[in-house]
Amino acid sequence: MEITNTNVVAANELLSSLKSDIIQKSQLIRIAEVSALTTLAKSSINLWVAQSKFPKPISLSATVKVWKLEDVSNWIEAQKTSNGSLRGES
């Protein structure tokens, strides 16, 4: 079987896509990035976490909290599909 350039390009595109998926699933972001992605104020994010309306962060230390990018992305998509806007109401 002969390997063609098309097959190599397709394989490289697949690998690139898989790398992107792996990076997204493991990427950790701070509250400033969460705020920018969701357009929510930091205080709203913290309130909604306390009310279980937003994904809980991971505590790296007493003062450093991070979210998994995948969790935030999934939350955004769920908000879009449930009511067409970014609200924390269920």
PDB file of N, CA and C in Angstrom:
ATOM      1  N   MET A   1       0.841  -1.175   0.000  1.00  0.00           N
ATOM      2  CA  MET A   1       0.000   0.000   0.000  1.00  0.00           C
ATOM      3  C   MET A   1       0.887   1.239   0.000  1.00  0.00           C
ATOM      4  N   GLU A   2       0.541   2.149  -0.853  1.00  0.00           N
ATOM      5  CA  GLU A   2       1.330   3.366  -0.991  1.00  0.00           C
ATOM      6  C   GLU A   2       0.695   4.493  -0.170  1.00  0.00           C
ATOM      7  N   ILE A   3       1.519   5.196   0.579  1.00  0.00           N
ATOM      8  CA  ILE A   3       1.040   6.326   1.370  1.00  0.00           C
ATOM      9  C   ILE A   3       1.040   7.565   0.487  1.00  0.00           C
ATOM     10  N   THR A   4      -0.090   8.221   0.409  1.00  0.00           N
ATOM     11  CA  THR A   4      -0.189   9.417  -0.431  1.00  0.00           C
ATOM     12  C   THR A   4      -0.116  10.661   0.450  1.00  0.00           C
ATOM     13  N   ASN A   5       0.159  11.777  -0.205  1.00  0.00           N
ATOM     14  CA  ASN A   5       0.200  13.042   0.521  1.00  0.00           C
ATOM     15  C   ASN A   5      -1.134  13.346   1.188  1.00  0.00           C
ATOM     16  N   THR A   6      -2.225  12.963   0.545  1.00  0.00           N
ATOM     17  CA  THR A   6      -3.554  13.197   1.107  1.00  0.00           C
ATOM     18  C   THR A   6      -3.714  12.456   2.422  1.00  0.00           C
ATOM     19  N   ASN A   7      -3.234  11.212   2.466  1.00  0.00           N
ATOM     20  CA  ASN A   7      -3.323  10.431   3.695  1.00  0.00           C
ATOM     21  C   ASN A   7      -2.476  11.049   4.807  1.00  0.00           C
ATOM     22  N   VAL A   8      -1.305  11.541   4.456  1.00  0.00           N
ATOM     23  CA  VAL A   8      -0.413  12.158   5.437  1.00  0.00           C
ATOM     24  C   VAL A   8      -1.048  13.438   5.980  1.00  0.00           C
ATOM     25  N   VAL A   9      -1.603  14.242   5.088  1.00  0.00           N
ATOM     26  CA  VAL A   9      -2.256  15.486   5.511  1.00  0.00           C
ATOM     27  C   VAL A   9      -3.437  15.166   6.417  1.00  0.00           C
ATOM     28  N   ALA A  10      -4.242  14.193   6.047  1.00  0.00           N
ATOM     29  CA  ALA A  10      -5.401  13.808   6.862  1.00  0.00           C
ATOM     30  C   ALA A  10      -4.960  13.307   8.227  1.00  0.00           C
ATOM     31  N   ALA A  11      -3.899  12.517   8.271  1.00  0.00           N
ATOM     32  CA  ALA A  11      -3.385  12.004   9.541  1.00  0.00           C
ATOM     33  C   ALA A  11      -2.871  13.144  10.408  1.00  0.00           C
ATOM     34  N   ASN A  12      -2.174  14.101   9.800  1.00  0.00           N
ATOM     35  CA  ASN A  12      -1.662  15.247  10.557  1.00  0.00           C
ATOM     36  C   ASN A  12      -2.801  16.100  11.105  1.00  0.00           C
ATOM     37  N   GLU A  13      -3.854  16.286  10.303  1.00  0.00           N
ATOM     38  CA  GLU A  13      -5.016  17.046  10.766  1.00  0.00           C
ATOM     39  C   GLU A  13      -5.696  16.338  11.930  1.00  0.00           C
ATOM     40  N   LEU A  14      -5.807  15.019  11.851  1.00  0.00           N
ATOM     41  CA  LEU A  14      -6.407  14.243  12.928  1.00  0.00           C
ATOM     42  C   LEU A  14      -5.578  14.359  14.200  1.00  0.00           C
ATOM     43  N   LEU A  15      -4.264  14.234  14.077  1.00  0.00           N
ATOM     44  CA  LEU A  15      -3.377  14.373  15.244  1.00  0.00           C
ATOM     45  C   LEU A  15      -3.493  15.764  15.857  1.00  0.00           C
ATOM     46  N   SER A  16      -3.551  16.778  15.025  1.00  0.00           N
ATOM     47  CA  SER A  16      -3.685  18.148  15.506  1.00  0.00           C
ATOM     48  C   SER A  16      -4.996  18.327  16.266  1.00  0.00           C
ATOM     49  N   SER A  17      -6.051  17.770  15.728  1.00  0.00           N
ATOM     50  CA  SER A  17      -7.354  17.853  16.382  1.00  0.00           C
ATOM     51  C   SER A  17      -7.337  17.124  17.723  1.00  0.00           C
ATOM     52  N   LEU A  18      -6.723  15.946  17.767  1.00  0.00           N
ATOM     53  CA  LEU A  18      -6.641  15.184  19.012  1.00  0.00           C
ATOM     54  C   LEU A  18      -5.820  15.931  20.054  1.00  0.00           C
ATOM     55  N   LYS A  19      -4.714  16.541  19.635  1.00  0.00           N
ATOM     56  CA  LYS A  19      -3.893  17.324  20.557  1.00  0.00           C
ATOM     57  C   LYS A  19      -4.696  18.476  21.124  1.00  0.00           C
ATOM     58  N   SER A  20      -5.460  19.144  20.274  1.00  0.00           N
ATOM     59  CA  SER A  20      -6.285  20.267  20.714  1.00  0.00           C
ATOM     60  C   SER A  20      -7.311  19.802  21.742  1.00  0.00           C
ATOM     61  N   ASP A  21      -7.941  18.660  21.491  1.00  0.00           N
ATOM     62  CA  ASP A  21      -8.922  18.111  22.433  1.00  0.00           C
ATOM     63  C   ASP A  21      -8.270  17.778  23.766  1.00  0.00           C
ATOM     64  N   ILE A  22      -7.095  17.175  23.725  1.00  0.00           N
ATOM     65  CA  ILE A  22      -6.379  16.808  24.955  1.00  0.00           C
ATOM     66  C   ILE A  22      -5.998  18.058  25.737  1.00  0.00           C
ATOM     67  N   ILE A  23      -5.508  19.067  25.029  1.00  0.00           N
ATOM     68  CA  ILE A  23      -5.121  20.315  25.685  1.00  0.00           C
ATOM     69  C   ILE A  23      -6.342  20.963  26.327  1.00  0.00           C
ATOM     70  N   GLN A  24      -7.461  21.012  25.604  1.00  0.00           N
ATOM     71  CA  GLN A  24      -8.657  21.635  26.161  1.00  0.00           C
ATOM     72  C   GLN A  24      -9.135  20.892  27.397  1.00  0.00           C
ATOM     73  N   LYS A  25      -9.085  19.570  27.377  1.00  0.00           N
ATOM     74  CA  LYS A  25      -9.574  18.802  28.510  1.00  0.00           C
ATOM     75  C   LYS A  25      -8.694  18.974  29.741  1.00  0.00           C
ATOM     76  N   SER A  26      -7.425  19.294  29.553  1.00  0.00           N
ATOM     77  CA  SER A  26      -6.530  19.403  30.698  1.00  0.00           C
ATOM     78  C   SER A  26      -6.162  20.837  31.055  1.00  0.00           C
ATOM     79  N   GLN A  27      -6.575  21.809  30.244  1.00  0.00           N
ATOM     80  CA  GLN A  27      -6.219  23.212  30.468  1.00  0.00           C
ATOM     81  C   GLN A  27      -6.902  23.744  31.718  1.00  0.00           C
ATOM     82  N   LEU A  28      -6.132  24.404  32.574  1.00  0.00           N
ATOM     83  CA  LEU A  28      -6.658  25.039  33.770  1.00  0.00           C
ATOM     84  C   LEU A  28      -6.621  26.545  33.584  1.00  0.00           C
ATOM     85  N   ILE A  29      -7.700  27.217  33.983  1.00  0.00           N
ATOM     86  CA  ILE A  29      -7.775  28.661  33.810  1.00  0.00           C
ATOM     87  C   ILE A  29      -8.159  29.328  35.128  1.00  0.00           C
ATOM     88  N   ARG A  30      -7.677  30.551  35.309  1.00  0.00           N
ATOM     89  CA  ARG A  30      -7.967  31.324  36.511  1.00  0.00           C
ATOM     90  C   ARG A  30      -9.272  32.100  36.314  1.00  0.00           C
ATOM     91  N   ILE A  31      -9.726  32.724  37.371  1.00  0.00           N
ATOM     92  CA  ILE A  31     -11.032  33.393  37.339  1.00  0.00           C
ATOM     93  C   ILE A  31     -11.095  34.520  36.307  1.00  0.00           C
ATOM     94  N   ALA A  32      -9.987  35.194  36.053  1.00  0.00           N
ATOM     95  CA  ALA A  32     -10.000  36.265  35.042  1.00  0.00           C
ATOM     96  C   ALA A  32     -10.351  35.705  33.665  1.00  0.00           C
ATOM     97  N   GLU A  33      -9.800  34.535  33.337  1.00  0.00           N
ATOM     98  CA  GLU A  33     -10.120  33.899  32.053  1.00  0.00           C
ATOM     99  C   GLU A  33     -11.550  33.382  32.034  1.00  0.00           C
ATOM    100  N   VAL A  34     -12.002  32.833  33.182  1.00  0.00           N
ATOM    101  CA  VAL A  34     -13.390  32.370  33.275  1.00  0.00           C
ATOM    102  C   VAL A  34     -14.332  33.550  33.053  1.00  0.00           C
ATOM    103  N   SER A  35     -14.029  34.668  33.683  1.00  0.00           N
ATOM    104  CA  SER A  35     -14.836  35.872  33.534  1.00  0.00           C
ATOM    105  C   SER A  35     -14.867  36.341  32.077  1.00  0.00           C
ATOM    106  N   ALA A  36     -13.718  36.336  31.425  1.00  0.00           N
ATOM    107  CA  ALA A  36     -13.647  36.764  30.027  1.00  0.00           C
ATOM    108  C   ALA A  36     -14.434  35.823  29.116  1.00  0.00           C
ATOM    109  N   LEU A  37     -14.334  34.524  29.348  1.00  0.00           N
ATOM    110  CA  LEU A  37     -15.039  33.548  28.512  1.00  0.00           C
ATOM    111  C   LEU A  37     -16.551  33.632  28.675  1.00  0.00           C
ATOM    112  N   THR A  38     -17.002  33.869  29.896  1.00  0.00           N
ATOM    113  CA  THR A  38     -18.435  33.842  30.176  1.00  0.00           C
ATOM    114  C   THR A  38     -19.077  35.223  30.153  1.00  0.00           C
ATOM    115  N   THR A  39     -18.273  36.257  30.172  1.00  0.00           N
ATOM    116  CA  THR A  39     -18.704  37.654  30.297  1.00  0.00           C
ATOM    117  C   THR A  39     -19.402  37.917  31.634  1.00  0.00           C
ATOM    118  N   LEU A  40     -19.133  37.084  32.614  1.00  0.00           N
ATOM    119  CA  LEU A  40     -19.690  37.258  33.948  1.00  0.00           C
ATOM    120  C   LEU A  40     -18.674  37.955  34.842  1.00  0.00           C
ATOM    121  N   ALA A  41     -19.164  38.726  35.794  1.00  0.00           N
ATOM    122  CA  ALA A  41     -18.281  39.342  36.781  1.00  0.00           C
ATOM    123  C   ALA A  41     -17.734  38.260  37.719  1.00  0.00           C
ATOM    124  N   LYS A  42     -16.566  38.517  38.259  1.00  0.00           N
ATOM    125  CA  LYS A  42     -15.958  37.556  39.188  1.00  0.00           C
ATOM    126  C   LYS A  42     -16.878  37.298  40.384  1.00  0.00           C
ATOM    127  N   SER A  43     -17.530  38.337  40.853  1.00  0.00           N
ATOM    128  CA  SER A  43     -18.439  38.167  41.997  1.00  0.00           C
ATOM    129  C   SER A  43     -19.621  37.261  41.640  1.00  0.00           C
ATOM    130  N   SER A  44     -20.119  37.373  40.421  1.00  0.00           N
ATOM    131  CA  SER A  44     -21.224  36.504  39.976  1.00  0.00           C
ATOM    132  C   SER A  44     -20.764  35.053  39.893  1.00  0.00           C
ATOM    133  N   ILE A  45     -19.572  34.859  39.379  1.00  0.00           N
ATOM    134  CA  ILE A  45     -19.024  33.499  39.283  1.00  0.00           C
ATOM    135  C   ILE A  45     -18.925  32.889  40.668  1.00  0.00           C
ATOM    136  N   ASN A  46     -18.352  33.629  41.605  1.00  0.00           N
ATOM    137  CA  ASN A  46     -18.201  33.117  42.971  1.00  0.00           C
ATOM    138  C   ASN A  46     -19.554  32.841  43.626  1.00  0.00           C
ATOM    139  N   LEU A  47     -20.524  33.729  43.406  1.00  0.00           N
ATOM    140  CA  LEU A  47     -21.861  33.522  43.956  1.00  0.00           C
ATOM    141  C   LEU A  47     -22.500  32.273  43.356  1.00  0.00           C
ATOM    142  N   TRP A  48     -22.424  32.131  42.035  1.00  0.00           N
ATOM    143  CA  TRP A  48     -23.044  30.984  41.380  1.00  0.00           C
ATOM    144  C   TRP A  48     -22.359  29.669  41.743  1.00  0.00           C
ATOM    145  N   VAL A  49     -21.052  29.717  42.006  1.00  0.00           N
ATOM    146  CA  VAL A  49     -20.367  28.506  42.499  1.00  0.00           C
ATOM    147  C   VAL A  49     -20.967  28.123  43.849  1.00  0.00           C
ATOM    148  N   ALA A  50     -21.133  29.111  44.731  1.00  0.00           N
ATOM    149  CA  ALA A  50     -21.706  28.855  46.060  1.00  0.00           C
ATOM    150  C   ALA A  50     -23.135  28.328  45.969  1.00  0.00           C
ATOM    151  N   GLN A  51     -23.866  28.752  44.937  1.00  0.00           N
ATOM    152  CA  GLN A  51     -25.252  28.327  44.737  1.00  0.00           C
ATOM    153  C   GLN A  51     -25.361  27.078  43.851  1.00  0.00           C
ATOM    154  N   SER A  52     -24.225  26.497  43.502  1.00  0.00           N
ATOM    155  CA  SER A  52     -24.163  25.309  42.633  1.00  0.00           C
ATOM    156  C   SER A  52     -24.772  25.556  41.254  1.00  0.00           C
ATOM    157  N   LYS A  53     -24.669  26.789  40.762  1.00  0.00           N
ATOM    158  CA  LYS A  53     -25.148  27.127  39.426  1.00  0.00           C
ATOM    159  C   LYS A  53     -24.006  27.206  38.431  1.00  0.00           C
ATOM    160  N   PHE A  54     -22.785  27.026  38.897  1.00  0.00           N
ATOM    161  CA  PHE A  54     -21.596  27.134  38.059  1.00  0.00           C
ATOM    162  C   PHE A  54     -20.602  26.086  38.542  1.00  0.00           C
ATOM    163  N   PRO A  55     -19.772  25.546  37.640  1.00  0.00           N
ATOM    164  CA  PRO A  55     -18.813  24.504  38.049  1.00  0.00           C
ATOM    165  C   PRO A  55     -17.902  24.982  39.185  1.00  0.00           C
ATOM    166  N   LYS A  56     -17.635  24.081  40.096  1.00  0.00           N
ATOM    167  CA  LYS A  56     -16.745  24.393  41.213  1.00  0.00           C
ATOM    168  C   LYS A  56     -15.295  24.423  40.737  1.00  0.00           C
ATOM    169  N   PRO A  57     -14.514  25.346  41.307  1.00  0.00           N
ATOM    170  CA  PRO A  57     -13.098  25.402  40.941  1.00  0.00           C
ATOM    171  C   PRO A  57     -12.295  24.326  41.667  1.00  0.00           C
ATOM    172  N   ILE A  58     -11.079  24.163  41.217  1.00  0.00           N
ATOM    173  CA  ILE A  58     -10.109  23.282  41.864  1.00  0.00           C
ATOM    174  C   ILE A  58      -9.215  24.177  42.711  1.00  0.00           C
ATOM    175  N   SER A  59      -9.031  23.852  43.972  1.00  0.00           N
ATOM    176  CA  SER A  59      -8.168  24.644  44.843  1.00  0.00           C
ATOM    177  C   SER A  59      -6.744  24.125  44.753  1.00  0.00           C
ATOM    178  N   LEU A  60      -5.853  24.959  44.237  1.00  0.00           N
ATOM    179  CA  LEU A  60      -4.438  24.593  44.174  1.00  0.00           C
ATOM    180  C   LEU A  60      -3.722  24.975  45.456  1.00  0.00           C
ATOM    181  N   SER A  61      -4.240  25.989  46.128  1.00  0.00           N
ATOM    182  CA  SER A  61      -3.734  26.413  47.432  1.00  0.00           C
ATOM    183  C   SER A  61      -4.852  27.193  48.101  1.00  0.00           C
ATOM    184  N   ALA A  62      -4.570  27.766  49.251  1.00  0.00           N
ATOM    185  CA  ALA A  62      -5.603  28.530  49.959  1.00  0.00           C
ATOM    186  C   ALA A  62      -6.061  29.743  49.160  1.00  0.00           C
ATOM    187  N   THR A  63      -5.201  30.260  48.307  1.00  0.00           N
ATOM    188  CA  THR A  63      -5.547  31.478  47.569  1.00  0.00           C
ATOM    189  C   THR A  63      -5.651  31.300  46.057  1.00  0.00           C
ATOM    190  N   VAL A  64      -5.264  30.138  45.543  1.00  0.00           N
ATOM    191  CA  VAL A  64      -5.277  29.917  44.095  1.00  0.00           C
ATOM    192  C   VAL A  64      -6.347  28.890  43.736  1.00  0.00           C
ATOM    193  N   LYS A  65      -7.309  29.360  42.940  1.00  0.00           N
ATOM    194  CA  LYS A  65      -8.379  28.491  42.460  1.00  0.00           C
ATOM    195  C   LYS A  65      -8.392  28.538  40.939  1.00  0.00           C
ATOM    196  N   VAL A  66      -8.615  27.393  40.328  1.00  0.00           N
ATOM    197  CA  VAL A  66      -8.639  27.283  38.870  1.00  0.00           C
ATOM    198  C   VAL A  66      -9.830  26.428  38.447  1.00  0.00           C
ATOM    199  N   TRP A  67     -10.235  26.622  37.221  1.00  0.00           N
ATOM    200  CA  TRP A  67     -11.299  25.816  36.624  1.00  0.00           C
ATOM    201  C   TRP A  67     -10.730  25.052  35.449  1.00  0.00           C
ATOM    202  N   LYS A  68     -11.304  23.886  35.173  1.00  0.00           N
ATOM    203  CA  LYS A  68     -10.957  23.170  33.954  1.00  0.00           C
ATOM    204  C   LYS A  68     -11.680  23.861  32.805  1.00  0.00           C
ATOM    205  N   LEU A  69     -10.936  24.196  31.767  1.00  0.00           N
ATOM    206  CA  LEU A  69     -11.512  24.859  30.599  1.00  0.00           C
ATOM    207  C   LEU A  69     -12.671  24.044  30.045  1.00  0.00           C
ATOM    208  N   GLU A  70     -12.530  22.740  30.047  1.00  0.00           N
ATOM    209  CA  GLU A  70     -13.591  21.865  29.538  1.00  0.00           C
ATOM    210  C   GLU A  70     -14.887  22.046  30.335  1.00  0.00           C
ATOM    211  N   ASP A  71     -14.793  22.165  31.663  1.00  0.00           N
ATOM    212  CA  ASP A  71     -15.979  22.345  32.491  1.00  0.00           C
ATOM    213  C   ASP A  71     -16.678  23.667  32.170  1.00  0.00           C
ATOM    214  N   VAL A  72     -15.889  24.723  32.015  1.00  0.00           N
ATOM    215  CA  VAL A  72     -16.459  26.034  31.703  1.00  0.00           C
ATOM    216  C   VAL A  72     -17.084  26.014  30.309  1.00  0.00           C
ATOM    217  N   SER A  73     -16.403  25.420  29.349  1.00  0.00           N
ATOM    218  CA  SER A  73     -16.941  25.313  27.985  1.00  0.00           C
ATOM    219  C   SER A  73     -18.247  24.532  27.972  1.00  0.00           C
ATOM    220  N   ASN A  74     -18.284  23.431  28.705  1.00  0.00           N
ATOM    221  CA  ASN A  74     -19.509  22.630  28.782  1.00  0.00           C
ATOM    222  C   ASN A  74     -20.650  23.419  29.418  1.00  0.00           C
ATOM    223  N   TRP A  75     -20.340  24.208  30.454  1.00  0.00           N
ATOM    224  CA  TRP A  75     -21.349  25.029  31.113  1.00  0.00           C
ATOM    225  C   TRP A  75     -21.909  26.063  30.129  1.00  0.00           C
ATOM    226  N   ILE A  76     -21.018  26.706  29.380  1.00  0.00           N
ATOM    227  CA  ILE A  76     -21.452  27.701  28.394  1.00  0.00           C
ATOM    228  C   ILE A  76     -22.380  27.058  27.370  1.00  0.00           C
ATOM    229  N   GLU A  77     -21.997  25.913  26.845  1.00  0.00           N
ATOM    230  CA  GLU A  77     -22.831  25.214  25.857  1.00  0.00           C
ATOM    231  C   GLU A  77     -24.181  24.831  26.446  1.00  0.00           C
ATOM    232  N   ALA A  78     -24.187  24.383  27.699  1.00  0.00           N
ATOM    233  CA  ALA A  78     -25.447  24.017  28.355  1.00  0.00           C
ATOM    234  C   ALA A  78     -26.354  25.232  28.503  1.00  0.00           C
ATOM    235  N   GLN A  79     -25.771  26.396  28.793  1.00  0.00           N
ATOM    236  CA  GLN A  79     -26.568  27.611  28.918  1.00  0.00           C
ATOM    237  C   GLN A  79     -27.157  28.011  27.574  1.00  0.00           C
ATOM    238  N   LYS A  80     -26.375  27.870  26.528  1.00  0.00           N
ATOM    239  CA  LYS A  80     -26.867  28.208  25.187  1.00  0.00           C
ATOM    240  C   LYS A  80     -28.040  27.330  24.793  1.00  0.00           C
ATOM    241  N   THR A  81     -27.927  26.045  25.053  1.00  0.00           N
ATOM    242  CA  THR A  81     -28.973  25.118  24.630  1.00  0.00           C
ATOM    243  C   THR A  81     -30.196  25.174  25.530  1.00  0.00           C
ATOM    244  N   SER A  82     -30.020  25.531  26.802  1.00  0.00           N
ATOM    245  CA  SER A  82     -31.176  25.528  27.703  1.00  0.00           C
ATOM    246  C   SER A  82     -32.036  26.769  27.585  1.00  0.00           C
ATOM    247  N   ASN A  83     -31.398  27.937  27.339  1.00  0.00           N
ATOM    248  CA  ASN A  83     -32.230  29.134  27.291  1.00  0.00           C
ATOM    249  C   ASN A  83     -31.716  30.216  26.347  1.00  0.00           C
ATOM    250  N   GLY A  84     -30.705  29.933  25.583  1.00  0.00           N
ATOM    251  CA  GLY A  84     -30.247  30.891  24.600  1.00  0.00           C
ATOM    252  C   GLY A  84     -29.442  32.052  25.131  1.00  0.00           C
ATOM    253  N   SER A  85     -29.152  32.052  26.423  1.00  0.00           N
ATOM    254  CA  SER A  85     -28.346  33.128  26.992  1.00  0.00           C
ATOM    255  C   SER A  85     -27.465  32.573  28.086  1.00  0.00           C
ATOM    256  N   LEU A  86     -26.556  33.384  28.584  1.00  0.00           N
ATOM    257  CA  LEU A  86     -25.649  32.959  29.644  1.00  0.00           C
ATOM    258  C   LEU A  86     -26.215  33.377  30.997  1.00  0.00           C
ATOM    259  N   ARG A  87     -27.144  32.582  31.506  1.00  0.00           N
ATOM    260  CA  ARG A  87     -27.686  32.844  32.833  1.00  0.00           C
ATOM    261  C   ARG A  87     -27.467  31.611  33.679  1.00  0.00           C
ATOM    262  N   GLY A  88     -27.279  31.790  34.948  1.00  0.00           N
ATOM    263  CA  GLY A  88     -27.030  30.679  35.855  1.00  0.00           C
ATOM    264  C   GLY A  88     -28.285  30.034  36.398  1.00  0.00           C
ATOM    265  N   GLU A  89     -29.433  30.468  35.925  1.00  0.00           N
ATOM    266  CA  GLU A  89     -30.688  29.911  36.419  1.00  0.00           C
ATOM    267  C   GLU A  89     -30.967  28.575  35.764  1.00  0.00           C
ATOM    268  N   SER A  90     -31.447  27.619  36.542  1.00  0.00           N
ATOM    269  CA  SER A  90     -31.772  26.308  35.992  1.00  0.00           C
ATOM    270  C   SER A  90     -33.260  26.116  35.887  1.00  0.00           C
TER     271      SER A  90
END
